[in-house]
N, C-alpha and C. Protein backbone atom coordinates (compact mmCIF):
# COMPACT_ATOMS: atom_id res chain seq x y z
N MET A 1 1.25 -26.16 24.13
CA MET A 1 0.65 -25.75 22.87
C MET A 1 0.22 -24.29 22.92
N MET A 2 -0.28 -23.85 24.10
CA MET A 2 -0.71 -22.47 24.22
C MET A 2 0.46 -21.51 23.96
N TYR A 3 1.64 -21.85 24.47
CA TYR A 3 2.79 -20.98 24.29
C TYR A 3 3.18 -20.87 22.82
N GLN A 4 3.09 -21.99 22.08
CA GLN A 4 3.42 -21.97 20.65
C GLN A 4 2.42 -21.10 19.90
N THR A 5 1.14 -21.25 20.21
CA THR A 5 0.10 -20.44 19.58
C THR A 5 0.33 -18.96 19.86
N THR A 6 0.63 -18.64 21.13
CA THR A 6 0.89 -17.27 21.51
C THR A 6 2.12 -16.73 20.78
N TYR A 7 3.16 -17.56 20.67
CA TYR A 7 4.38 -17.14 19.99
C TYR A 7 4.10 -16.82 18.52
N LEU A 8 3.33 -17.68 17.86
CA LEU A 8 3.01 -17.46 16.45
C LEU A 8 2.16 -16.20 16.28
N ALA A 9 1.21 -15.98 17.18
CA ALA A 9 0.37 -14.78 17.13
C ALA A 9 1.22 -13.53 17.35
N LEU A 10 2.18 -13.62 18.27
CA LEU A 10 3.06 -12.49 18.54
C LEU A 10 3.94 -12.20 17.33
N LYS A 11 4.43 -13.25 16.69
CA LYS A 11 5.26 -13.08 15.49
C LYS A 11 4.46 -12.37 14.39
N GLN A 12 3.20 -12.78 14.21
CA GLN A 12 2.34 -12.15 13.21
C GLN A 12 2.12 -10.68 13.57
N LEU A 13 1.90 -10.42 14.85
CA LEU A 13 1.66 -9.06 15.31
C LEU A 13 2.86 -8.16 15.01
N LYS A 14 4.06 -8.69 15.24
CA LYS A 14 5.28 -7.91 14.98
C LYS A 14 5.47 -7.65 13.49
N GLN A 15 5.00 -8.55 12.65
CA GLN A 15 5.07 -8.33 11.21
C GLN A 15 4.07 -7.27 10.76
N LEU A 16 2.88 -7.32 11.35
CA LEU A 16 1.84 -6.35 10.99
C LEU A 16 2.16 -4.95 11.51
N CYS A 17 2.75 -4.89 12.69
CA CYS A 17 3.02 -3.61 13.35
C CYS A 17 4.49 -3.53 13.77
N PRO A 18 5.38 -3.24 12.84
CA PRO A 18 6.79 -3.10 13.23
C PRO A 18 6.99 -1.90 14.14
N LEU A 19 8.08 -1.89 14.88
CA LEU A 19 8.38 -0.76 15.76
C LEU A 19 8.35 0.54 14.98
N HIS A 20 7.90 1.58 15.64
CA HIS A 20 7.79 2.95 15.11
C HIS A 20 6.64 3.11 14.12
N SER A 21 5.77 2.09 13.99
CA SER A 21 4.56 2.23 13.18
C SER A 21 3.62 3.21 13.89
N SER A 22 2.79 3.87 13.11
CA SER A 22 1.82 4.79 13.72
C SER A 22 0.65 3.99 14.31
N ILE A 23 -0.06 4.61 15.23
CA ILE A 23 -1.24 3.97 15.82
C ILE A 23 -2.24 3.65 14.72
N ALA A 24 -2.49 4.61 13.82
CA ALA A 24 -3.48 4.42 12.75
C ALA A 24 -3.11 3.23 11.87
N SER A 25 -1.85 3.13 11.53
CA SER A 25 -1.39 2.02 10.69
C SER A 25 -1.61 0.68 11.40
N CYS A 26 -1.26 0.61 12.66
CA CYS A 26 -1.45 -0.64 13.42
C CYS A 26 -2.92 -1.01 13.53
N LEU A 27 -3.76 -0.02 13.81
CA LEU A 27 -5.19 -0.30 13.91
C LEU A 27 -5.74 -0.83 12.59
N ASN A 28 -5.33 -0.23 11.49
CA ASN A 28 -5.77 -0.70 10.17
C ASN A 28 -5.29 -2.12 9.90
N GLN A 29 -4.03 -2.41 10.23
CA GLN A 29 -3.48 -3.75 10.02
C GLN A 29 -4.22 -4.78 10.87
N LEU A 30 -4.50 -4.44 12.12
CA LEU A 30 -5.21 -5.37 13.01
C LEU A 30 -6.62 -5.64 12.48
N ARG A 31 -7.29 -4.59 12.02
CA ARG A 31 -8.65 -4.77 11.47
C ARG A 31 -8.62 -5.65 10.22
N GLN A 32 -7.68 -5.39 9.32
CA GLN A 32 -7.60 -6.18 8.08
C GLN A 32 -7.28 -7.64 8.36
N ALA A 33 -6.47 -7.89 9.39
CA ALA A 33 -6.10 -9.27 9.75
C ALA A 33 -7.16 -9.93 10.64
N LYS A 34 -8.23 -9.15 10.95
CA LYS A 34 -9.32 -9.63 11.81
C LYS A 34 -8.82 -10.11 13.18
N ILE A 35 -7.88 -9.33 13.74
CA ILE A 35 -7.35 -9.60 15.07
C ILE A 35 -8.13 -8.74 16.06
N GLN A 36 -8.66 -9.37 17.09
CA GLN A 36 -9.41 -8.62 18.10
C GLN A 36 -8.46 -7.77 18.93
N PHE A 37 -8.89 -6.57 19.28
CA PHE A 37 -8.06 -5.69 20.09
C PHE A 37 -8.93 -4.73 20.88
N LEU A 38 -8.32 -4.15 21.90
CA LEU A 38 -8.94 -3.11 22.70
C LEU A 38 -8.05 -1.89 22.62
N ASN A 39 -8.58 -0.81 22.07
CA ASN A 39 -7.81 0.42 21.89
C ASN A 39 -8.02 1.32 23.10
N LEU A 40 -6.94 1.55 23.84
CA LEU A 40 -7.01 2.41 25.02
C LEU A 40 -6.22 3.70 24.82
N GLY A 41 -6.09 4.12 23.58
CA GLY A 41 -5.36 5.36 23.29
C GLY A 41 -3.90 5.06 22.98
N ASN A 42 -3.03 5.23 23.97
CA ASN A 42 -1.60 4.96 23.76
C ASN A 42 -1.24 3.50 23.99
N ILE A 43 -2.24 2.69 24.30
CA ILE A 43 -2.03 1.26 24.53
C ILE A 43 -3.10 0.49 23.77
N ILE A 44 -2.68 -0.54 23.05
CA ILE A 44 -3.62 -1.45 22.38
C ILE A 44 -3.38 -2.84 22.95
N ILE A 45 -4.44 -3.47 23.42
CA ILE A 45 -4.35 -4.82 23.99
C ILE A 45 -4.93 -5.81 22.98
N CYS A 46 -4.15 -6.85 22.70
CA CYS A 46 -4.58 -7.94 21.81
C CYS A 46 -4.66 -9.21 22.65
N PRO A 47 -5.86 -9.55 23.14
CA PRO A 47 -5.97 -10.67 24.07
C PRO A 47 -5.60 -12.03 23.49
N GLN A 48 -5.87 -12.26 22.20
CA GLN A 48 -5.59 -13.57 21.63
C GLN A 48 -4.10 -13.86 21.57
N SER A 49 -3.29 -12.84 21.33
CA SER A 49 -1.84 -13.04 21.30
C SER A 49 -1.22 -12.68 22.65
N ARG A 50 -2.09 -12.30 23.60
CA ARG A 50 -1.64 -11.90 24.94
C ARG A 50 -0.56 -10.84 24.85
N SER A 51 -0.85 -9.81 24.07
CA SER A 51 0.14 -8.77 23.81
C SER A 51 -0.43 -7.39 24.10
N ILE A 52 0.48 -6.50 24.46
CA ILE A 52 0.15 -5.10 24.68
C ILE A 52 1.08 -4.27 23.81
N LEU A 53 0.51 -3.46 22.96
CA LEU A 53 1.29 -2.56 22.11
C LEU A 53 1.32 -1.20 22.79
N ILE A 54 2.52 -0.68 23.02
CA ILE A 54 2.69 0.57 23.75
C ILE A 54 3.21 1.64 22.78
N PHE A 55 2.47 2.75 22.72
CA PHE A 55 2.79 3.84 21.81
C PHE A 55 3.25 5.06 22.60
N LYS A 56 4.18 5.80 22.02
CA LYS A 56 4.62 7.06 22.59
C LYS A 56 4.68 8.05 21.44
N GLN A 57 4.04 9.19 21.61
CA GLN A 57 3.94 10.20 20.54
C GLN A 57 3.42 9.57 19.25
N ARG A 58 2.42 8.71 19.41
CA ARG A 58 1.69 8.07 18.30
C ARG A 58 2.51 7.07 17.48
N LYS A 59 3.67 6.66 18.00
CA LYS A 59 4.51 5.67 17.33
C LYS A 59 4.69 4.46 18.24
N LEU A 60 4.71 3.27 17.65
CA LEU A 60 4.86 2.03 18.43
C LEU A 60 6.27 1.95 18.99
N MET A 61 6.37 1.86 20.31
CA MET A 61 7.66 1.80 20.98
C MET A 61 8.00 0.40 21.48
N GLU A 62 6.95 -0.38 21.80
CA GLU A 62 7.22 -1.65 22.47
C GLU A 62 6.02 -2.58 22.33
N ILE A 63 6.30 -3.87 22.24
CA ILE A 63 5.26 -4.88 22.32
C ILE A 63 5.60 -5.80 23.49
N GLU A 64 4.72 -5.83 24.47
CA GLU A 64 4.91 -6.67 25.66
C GLU A 64 3.92 -7.83 25.61
N THR A 65 4.30 -8.93 26.22
CA THR A 65 3.36 -10.05 26.35
C THR A 65 2.96 -10.19 27.82
N PHE A 66 1.80 -10.79 28.02
CA PHE A 66 1.34 -11.01 29.40
C PHE A 66 0.72 -12.40 29.49
N PHE A 67 0.72 -12.94 30.69
CA PHE A 67 0.10 -14.24 30.96
C PHE A 67 -0.82 -14.08 32.14
N ALA A 68 -2.07 -14.49 31.95
CA ALA A 68 -3.08 -14.34 33.01
C ALA A 68 -3.15 -15.61 33.83
């Protein structure tokens, strides 16, 4: 069940922040969707979806998932 929940959260995240989105746009989308995140500059961590958004030159380049 955890994997399905994570998958759905990741799917939502990809809809809110498509590739090449700006950092500002992603932060606004995450706030509006009330998704918790940790902003580390070029990296945003979303613990509930177990995802890491990686930015390069202020544009979203990649979304990675992690399992603790």
